[in-house]
Amino acid sequence: MDVSIADFIHSNSLAFALAHDTKFIAMLKAARHVPSTYVLPSIKDVGGSLLVENYKDYINSTTKKLHIGAELFGLTAMKDGATIVKCPLTNILVDMFYYLNNFTNSFVINNLSYLFLISRGYEFHALMDVVDSTEHMANGGVKDAEYLTKQFIPVMQKIDPQYELFDMVAFDGAANVQKGGRAIAA
């Protein structure tokens, strides 16, 4: 079995760390219970319906993870632009992080008090959407405040329909983009 796993990883130029990936291990465990009549999914299914199903699962589980502590610590929406092979993209990211500080173990040396600070934290970063802006740009559009606002608001509404969790929207420093941040905050 080890040789088969290594051959699969090497032959497909996959990262060696895949051998210890939790999803890979789960797949191997699930394969133990598959009947001999099982038929592998077609290439069309892997790139079609199964891809859509995995995407929906990712969005649902990611949204749930973003809600851990979000009521208390808030969410941050961010934009990152990228152009890949002449394809203008807008990445919409959402972060949630918090740190709980616990003070423990104080002591005194030479009349000075010392306090150990133990910090525990939780961070979660999620890519929630990638918007292909090719058609918009080809029609003379720009990634301005109005355009970015139209891209951000639906993503934010899916995560936070009551408008209670987002407390920060971060864009880069361009003046027209800052207007988008103000429009979302309104």
C-alpha atoms as a PDB file:
ATOM      1  CA  MET A   1       0.000   0.000   0.000  1.00  0.00           C
ATOM      2  CA  ASP A   2       2.835   2.415   0.876  1.00  0.00           C
ATOM      3  CA  VAL A   3       4.390   1.959  -2.570  1.00  0.00           C
ATOM      4  CA  SER A   4       1.022   2.592  -4.253  1.00  0.00           C
ATOM      5  CA  ILE A   5       0.489   5.785  -2.257  1.00  0.00           C
ATOM      6  CA  ALA A   6       4.031   7.009  -2.977  1.00  0.00           C
ATOM      7  CA  ASP A   7       3.646   6.148  -6.687  1.00  0.00           C
ATOM      8  CA  PHE A   8       0.362   8.081  -6.850  1.00  0.00           C
ATOM      9  CA  ILE A   9       1.953  11.126  -5.215  1.00  0.00           C
ATOM     10  CA  HIS A  10       5.155  11.013  -7.299  1.00  0.00           C
ATOM     11  CA  SER A  11       3.459  10.242 -10.631  1.00  0.00           C
ATOM     12  CA  ASN A  12       1.101  13.192 -10.275  1.00  0.00           C
ATOM     13  CA  SER A  13       3.763  15.637  -8.997  1.00  0.00           C
ATOM     14  CA  LEU A  14       1.839  16.138  -5.761  1.00  0.00           C
ATOM     15  CA  ALA A  15       3.275  17.466  -2.520  1.00  0.00           C
ATOM     16  CA  PHE A  16       4.828  14.744  -0.373  1.00  0.00           C
ATOM     17  CA  ALA A  17       2.859  16.110   2.599  1.00  0.00           C
ATOM     18  CA  LEU A  18      -0.265  14.688   0.937  1.00  0.00           C
ATOM     19  CA  ALA A  19       0.595  11.350   2.564  1.00  0.00           C
ATOM     20  CA  HIS A  20      -0.444  12.887   5.919  1.00  0.00           C
ATOM     21  CA  ASP A  21      -3.252  15.142   4.688  1.00  0.00           C
ATOM     22  CA  THR A  22      -6.438  14.634   6.703  1.00  0.00           C
ATOM     23  CA  LYS A  23      -8.650  14.575   3.596  1.00  0.00           C
ATOM     24  CA  PHE A  24      -6.395  12.033   1.871  1.00  0.00           C
ATOM     25  CA  ILE A  25      -6.471   9.819   4.968  1.00  0.00           C
ATOM     26  CA  ALA A  26     -10.273  10.156   5.182  1.00  0.00           C
ATOM     27  CA  MET A  27     -10.555   9.139   1.514  1.00  0.00           C
ATOM     28  CA  LEU A  28      -8.441   6.024   2.128  1.00  0.00           C
ATOM     29  CA  LYS A  29     -10.598   5.093   5.128  1.00  0.00           C
ATOM     30  CA  ALA A  30     -13.792   5.592   3.109  1.00  0.00           C
ATOM     31  CA  ALA A  31     -12.355   3.450   0.297  1.00  0.00           C
ATOM     32  CA  ARG A  32     -12.243   0.470   2.665  1.00  0.00           C
ATOM     33  CA  HIS A  33     -16.048   0.370   2.684  1.00  0.00           C
ATOM     34  CA  VAL A  34     -16.634   0.734  -1.057  1.00  0.00           C
ATOM     35  CA  PRO A  35     -18.050  -2.342  -2.794  1.00  0.00           C
ATOM     36  CA  SER A  36     -16.082  -3.961  -5.621  1.00  0.00           C
ATOM     37  CA  THR A  37     -18.769  -2.722  -8.039  1.00  0.00           C
ATOM     38  CA  TYR A  38     -17.943   0.938  -7.290  1.00  0.00           C
ATOM     39  CA  VAL A  39     -17.298   3.022 -10.413  1.00  0.00           C
ATOM     40  CA  LEU A  40     -14.946   5.989 -10.185  1.00  0.00           C
ATOM     41  CA  PRO A  41     -16.445   9.392 -11.062  1.00  0.00           C
ATOM     42  CA  SER A  42     -15.917  10.591 -14.604  1.00  0.00           C
ATOM     43  CA  ILE A  43     -13.635  13.504 -15.426  1.00  0.00           C
ATOM     44  CA  LYS A  44     -16.777  15.468 -16.288  1.00  0.00           C
ATOM     45  CA  ASP A  45     -18.274  14.761 -12.840  1.00  0.00           C
ATOM     46  CA  VAL A  46     -15.051  15.664 -11.008  1.00  0.00           C
ATOM     47  CA  GLY A  47     -14.846  18.978 -12.888  1.00  0.00           C
ATOM     48  CA  GLY A  48     -18.601  19.572 -12.816  1.00  0.00           C
ATOM     49  CA  SER A  49     -21.162  18.398 -10.282  1.00  0.00           C
ATOM     50  CA  LEU A  50     -18.604  17.172  -7.707  1.00  0.00           C
ATOM     51  CA  LEU A  51     -16.671  20.440  -7.975  1.00  0.00           C
ATOM     52  CA  VAL A  52     -19.892  22.391  -7.368  1.00  0.00           C
ATOM     53  CA  GLU A  53     -20.773  20.139  -4.408  1.00  0.00           C
ATOM     54  CA  ASN A  54     -17.304  20.598  -2.870  1.00  0.00           C
ATOM     55  CA  TYR A  55     -17.534  24.365  -3.394  1.00  0.00           C
ATOM     56  CA  LYS A  56     -20.904  24.504  -1.610  1.00  0.00           C
ATOM     57  CA  ASP A  57     -19.520  22.407   1.256  1.00  0.00           C
ATOM     58  CA  TYR A  58     -16.495  24.724   1.493  1.00  0.00           C
ATOM     59  CA  ILE A  59     -18.650  27.856   1.618  1.00  0.00           C
ATOM     60  CA  ASN A  60     -20.995  26.335   4.235  1.00  0.00           C
ATOM     61  CA  SER A  61     -18.217  25.061   6.512  1.00  0.00           C
ATOM     62  CA  THR A  62     -16.232  28.275   6.077  1.00  0.00           C
ATOM     63  CA  THR A  63     -19.255  30.409   6.954  1.00  0.00           C
ATOM     64  CA  LYS A  64     -19.785  28.328  10.113  1.00  0.00           C
ATOM     65  CA  LYS A  65     -16.124  28.742  11.098  1.00  0.00           C
ATOM     66  CA  LEU A  66     -16.345  32.491  10.546  1.00  0.00           C
ATOM     67  CA  HIS A  67     -19.199  32.654  13.041  1.00  0.00           C
ATOM     68  CA  ILE A  68     -17.040  31.240  15.872  1.00  0.00           C
ATOM     69  CA  GLY A  69     -16.624  34.257  18.113  1.00  0.00           C
ATOM     70  CA  ALA A  70     -17.728  36.686  15.394  1.00  0.00           C
ATOM     71  CA  GLU A  71     -20.522  38.173  17.508  1.00  0.00           C
ATOM     72  CA  LEU A  72     -17.970  39.209  20.097  1.00  0.00           C
ATOM     73  CA  PHE A  73     -14.905  39.921  17.959  1.00  0.00           C
ATOM     74  CA  GLY A  74     -16.343  40.860  14.559  1.00  0.00           C
ATOM     75  CA  LEU A  75     -15.410  40.053  10.984  1.00  0.00           C
ATOM     76  CA  THR A  76     -13.178  41.865   8.524  1.00  0.00           C
ATOM     77  CA  ALA A  77     -13.854  41.910   4.783  1.00  0.00           C
ATOM     78  CA  MET A  78     -10.891  42.605   2.504  1.00  0.00           C
ATOM     79  CA  LYS A  79     -10.262  43.032  -1.193  1.00  0.00           C
ATOM     80  CA  ASP A  80      -7.217  41.940  -3.112  1.00  0.00           C
ATOM     81  CA  GLY A  81      -6.889  42.537  -6.815  1.00  0.00           C
ATOM     82  CA  ALA A  82      -4.927  40.274  -9.106  1.00  0.00           C
ATOM     83  CA  THR A  83      -4.369  39.963 -12.826  1.00  0.00           C
ATOM     84  CA  ILE A  84      -3.526  36.456 -13.959  1.00  0.00           C
ATOM     85  CA  VAL A  85      -2.691  35.967 -17.642  1.00  0.00           C
ATOM     86  CA  LYS A  86      -4.490  39.203 -18.542  1.00  0.00           C
ATOM     87  CA  CYS A  87      -7.551  38.192 -16.502  1.00  0.00           C
ATOM     88  CA  PRO A  88      -8.445  40.907 -13.955  1.00  0.00           C
ATOM     89  CA  LEU A  89      -9.702  39.320 -10.738  1.00  0.00           C
ATOM     90  CA  THR A  90     -11.018  40.665  -7.466  1.00  0.00           C
ATOM     91  CA  ASN A  91     -10.531  38.376  -4.481  1.00  0.00           C
ATOM     92  CA  ILE A  92     -12.978  38.871  -1.624  1.00  0.00           C
ATOM     93  CA  LEU A  93     -11.541  37.639   1.661  1.00  0.00           C
ATOM     94  CA  VAL A  94     -13.010  37.501   5.152  1.00  0.00           C
ATOM     95  CA  ASP A  95     -10.974  37.246   8.342  1.00  0.00           C
ATOM     96  CA  MET A  96     -11.998  36.523  11.882  1.00  0.00           C
ATOM     97  CA  PHE A  97      -9.486  36.528  14.670  1.00  0.00           C
ATOM     98  CA  TYR A  98      -9.338  37.118  18.361  1.00  0.00           C
ATOM     99  CA  TYR A  99      -6.958  36.671  21.234  1.00  0.00           C
ATOM    100  CA  LEU A 100      -7.908  35.769  24.757  1.00  0.00           C
ATOM    101  CA  ASN A 101      -5.407  36.951  27.323  1.00  0.00           C
ATOM    102  CA  ASN A 102      -5.002  35.141  30.607  1.00  0.00           C
ATOM    103  CA  PHE A 103      -2.784  36.593  33.303  1.00  0.00           C
ATOM    104  CA  THR A 104      -1.000  33.972  35.380  1.00  0.00           C
ATOM    105  CA  ASN A 105       2.068  33.451  37.528  1.00  0.00           C
ATOM    106  CA  SER A 106       3.042  36.822  38.956  1.00  0.00           C
ATOM    107  CA  PHE A 107       6.183  37.107  41.089  1.00  0.00           C
ATOM    108  CA  VAL A 108       8.389  39.799  42.667  1.00  0.00           C
ATOM    109  CA  ILE A 109      12.152  40.262  42.212  1.00  0.00           C
ATOM    110  CA  ASN A 110      14.004  43.290  43.662  1.00  0.00           C
ATOM    111  CA  ASN A 111      10.703  44.971  44.537  1.00  0.00           C
ATOM    112  CA  LEU A 112       9.530  44.779  40.900  1.00  0.00           C
ATOM    113  CA  SER A 113       6.472  42.779  40.005  1.00  0.00           C
ATOM    114  CA  TYR A 114       6.570  40.527  36.968  1.00  0.00           C
ATOM    115  CA  LEU A 115       3.571  39.023  35.313  1.00  0.00           C
ATOM    116  CA  PHE A 116       3.513  36.242  32.729  1.00  0.00           C
ATOM    117  CA  LEU A 117       0.967  36.887  30.026  1.00  0.00           C
ATOM    118  CA  ILE A 118      -0.321  33.845  28.233  1.00  0.00           C
ATOM    119  CA  SER A 119      -2.147  34.583  25.027  1.00  0.00           C
ATOM    120  CA  ARG A 120      -4.403  32.119  23.216  1.00  0.00           C
ATOM    121  CA  GLY A 121      -5.781  33.014  19.869  1.00  0.00           C
ATOM    122  CA  TYR A 122      -7.984  31.880  17.039  1.00  0.00           C
ATOM    123  CA  GLU A 123      -7.553  33.038  13.482  1.00  0.00           C
ATOM    124  CA  PHE A 124      -9.498  32.081  10.412  1.00  0.00           C
ATOM    125  CA  HIS A 125      -8.901  33.487   6.943  1.00  0.00           C
ATOM    126  CA  ALA A 126     -11.248  32.648   4.102  1.00  0.00           C
ATOM    127  CA  LEU A 127     -11.350  33.329   0.400  1.00  0.00           C
ATOM    128  CA  MET A 128     -15.091  33.739  -0.113  1.00  0.00           C
ATOM    129  CA  ASP A 129     -15.237  34.730  -3.769  1.00  0.00           C
ATOM    130  CA  VAL A 130     -13.097  35.436  -6.813  1.00  0.00           C
ATOM    131  CA  VAL A 131     -14.782  37.834  -9.195  1.00  0.00           C
ATOM    132  CA  ASP A 132     -13.703  37.698 -12.840  1.00  0.00           C
ATOM    133  CA  SER A 133     -13.776  41.336 -13.916  1.00  0.00           C
ATOM    134  CA  THR A 134     -12.829  40.695 -17.561  1.00  0.00           C
ATOM    135  CA  GLU A 135     -16.191  41.629 -19.087  1.00  0.00           C
ATOM    136  CA  HIS A 136     -16.577  44.674 -16.836  1.00  0.00           C
ATOM    137  CA  MET A 137     -13.107  45.947 -17.771  1.00  0.00           C
ATOM    138  CA  ALA A 138     -13.552  45.111 -21.490  1.00  0.00           C
ATOM    139  CA  ASN A 139     -16.676  47.289 -21.503  1.00  0.00           C
ATOM    140  CA  GLY A 140     -14.618  50.235 -20.242  1.00  0.00           C
ATOM    141  CA  GLY A 141     -15.327  49.710 -16.558  1.00  0.00           C
ATOM    142  CA  VAL A 142     -12.849  50.165 -13.743  1.00  0.00           C
ATOM    143  CA  LYS A 143     -12.576  48.596 -10.320  1.00  0.00           C
ATOM    144  CA  ASP A 144     -13.962  51.689  -8.663  1.00  0.00           C
ATOM    145  CA  ALA A 145     -16.064  52.229  -5.551  1.00  0.00           C
ATOM    146  CA  GLU A 146     -19.376  51.426  -7.197  1.00  0.00           C
ATOM    147  CA  TYR A 147     -18.120  48.231  -8.833  1.00  0.00           C
ATOM    148  CA  LEU A 148     -16.382  46.929  -5.704  1.00  0.00           C
ATOM    149  CA  THR A 149     -19.380  47.694  -3.518  1.00  0.00           C
ATOM    150  CA  LYS A 150     -21.611  45.659  -5.851  1.00  0.00           C
ATOM    151  CA  GLN A 151     -19.171  42.744  -5.537  1.00  0.00           C
ATOM    152  CA  PHE A 152     -18.725  42.918  -1.748  1.00  0.00           C
ATOM    153  CA  ILE A 153     -22.243  43.409  -0.456  1.00  0.00           C
ATOM    154  CA  PRO A 154     -23.750  40.080  -1.675  1.00  0.00           C
ATOM    155  CA  VAL A 155     -20.852  38.117  -0.144  1.00  0.00           C
ATOM    156  CA  MET A 156     -21.177  39.977   3.143  1.00  0.00           C
ATOM    157  CA  GLN A 157     -24.973  39.487   3.176  1.00  0.00           C
ATOM    158  CA  LYS A 158     -24.614  35.714   2.756  1.00  0.00           C
ATOM    159  CA  ILE A 159     -22.343  35.557   5.795  1.00  0.00           C
ATOM    160  CA  ASP A 160     -24.107  38.204   7.866  1.00  0.00           C
ATOM    161  CA  PRO A 161     -27.730  38.738   6.752  1.00  0.00           C
ATOM    162  CA  GLN A 162     -28.542  40.736   9.910  1.00  0.00           C
ATOM    163  CA  TYR A 163     -25.639  43.193   9.391  1.00  0.00           C
ATOM    164  CA  GLU A 164     -24.256  42.548  12.884  1.00  0.00           C
ATOM    165  CA  LEU A 165     -20.906  40.802  12.424  1.00  0.00           C
ATOM    166  CA  PHE A 166     -18.759  42.876  10.075  1.00  0.00           C
ATOM    167  CA  ASP A 167     -16.939  45.659  11.851  1.00  0.00           C
ATOM    168  CA  MET A 168     -14.225  46.428   9.326  1.00  0.00           C
ATOM    169  CA  VAL A 169     -13.802  46.544   5.559  1.00  0.00           C
ATOM    170  CA  ALA A 170     -10.231  46.915   4.320  1.00  0.00           C
ATOM    171  CA  PHE A 171      -9.305  48.123   0.846  1.00  0.00           C
ATOM    172  CA  ASP A 172      -6.027  49.407  -0.511  1.00  0.00           C
ATOM    173  CA  GLY A 173      -5.270  53.109  -0.369  1.00  0.00           C
ATOM    174  CA  ALA A 174      -6.593  54.239  -3.761  1.00  0.00           C
ATOM    175  CA  ALA A 175      -9.061  57.094  -3.334  1.00  0.00           C
ATOM    176  CA  ASN A 176     -11.774  55.532  -5.509  1.00  0.00           C
ATOM    177  CA  VAL A 177     -11.525  52.283  -3.531  1.00  0.00           C
ATOM    178  CA  GLN A 178     -11.793  54.101  -0.192  1.00  0.00           C
ATOM    179  CA  LYS A 179     -15.140  55.458  -1.405  1.00  0.00           C
ATOM    180  CA  GLY A 180     -16.253  51.828  -1.798  1.00  0.00           C
ATOM    181  CA  GLY A 181     -15.418  51.153   1.836  1.00  0.00           C
ATOM    182  CA  ARG A 182     -17.463  54.148   2.906  1.00  0.00           C
ATOM    183  CA  ALA A 183     -20.375  53.028   0.687  1.00  0.00           C
ATOM    184  CA  ILE A 184     -20.391  49.571   2.282  1.00  0.00           C
ATOM    185  CA  ALA A 185     -20.311  51.091   5.759  1.00  0.00           C
ATOM    186  CA  ALA A 186     -23.372  53.210   4.950  1.00  0.00           C
END
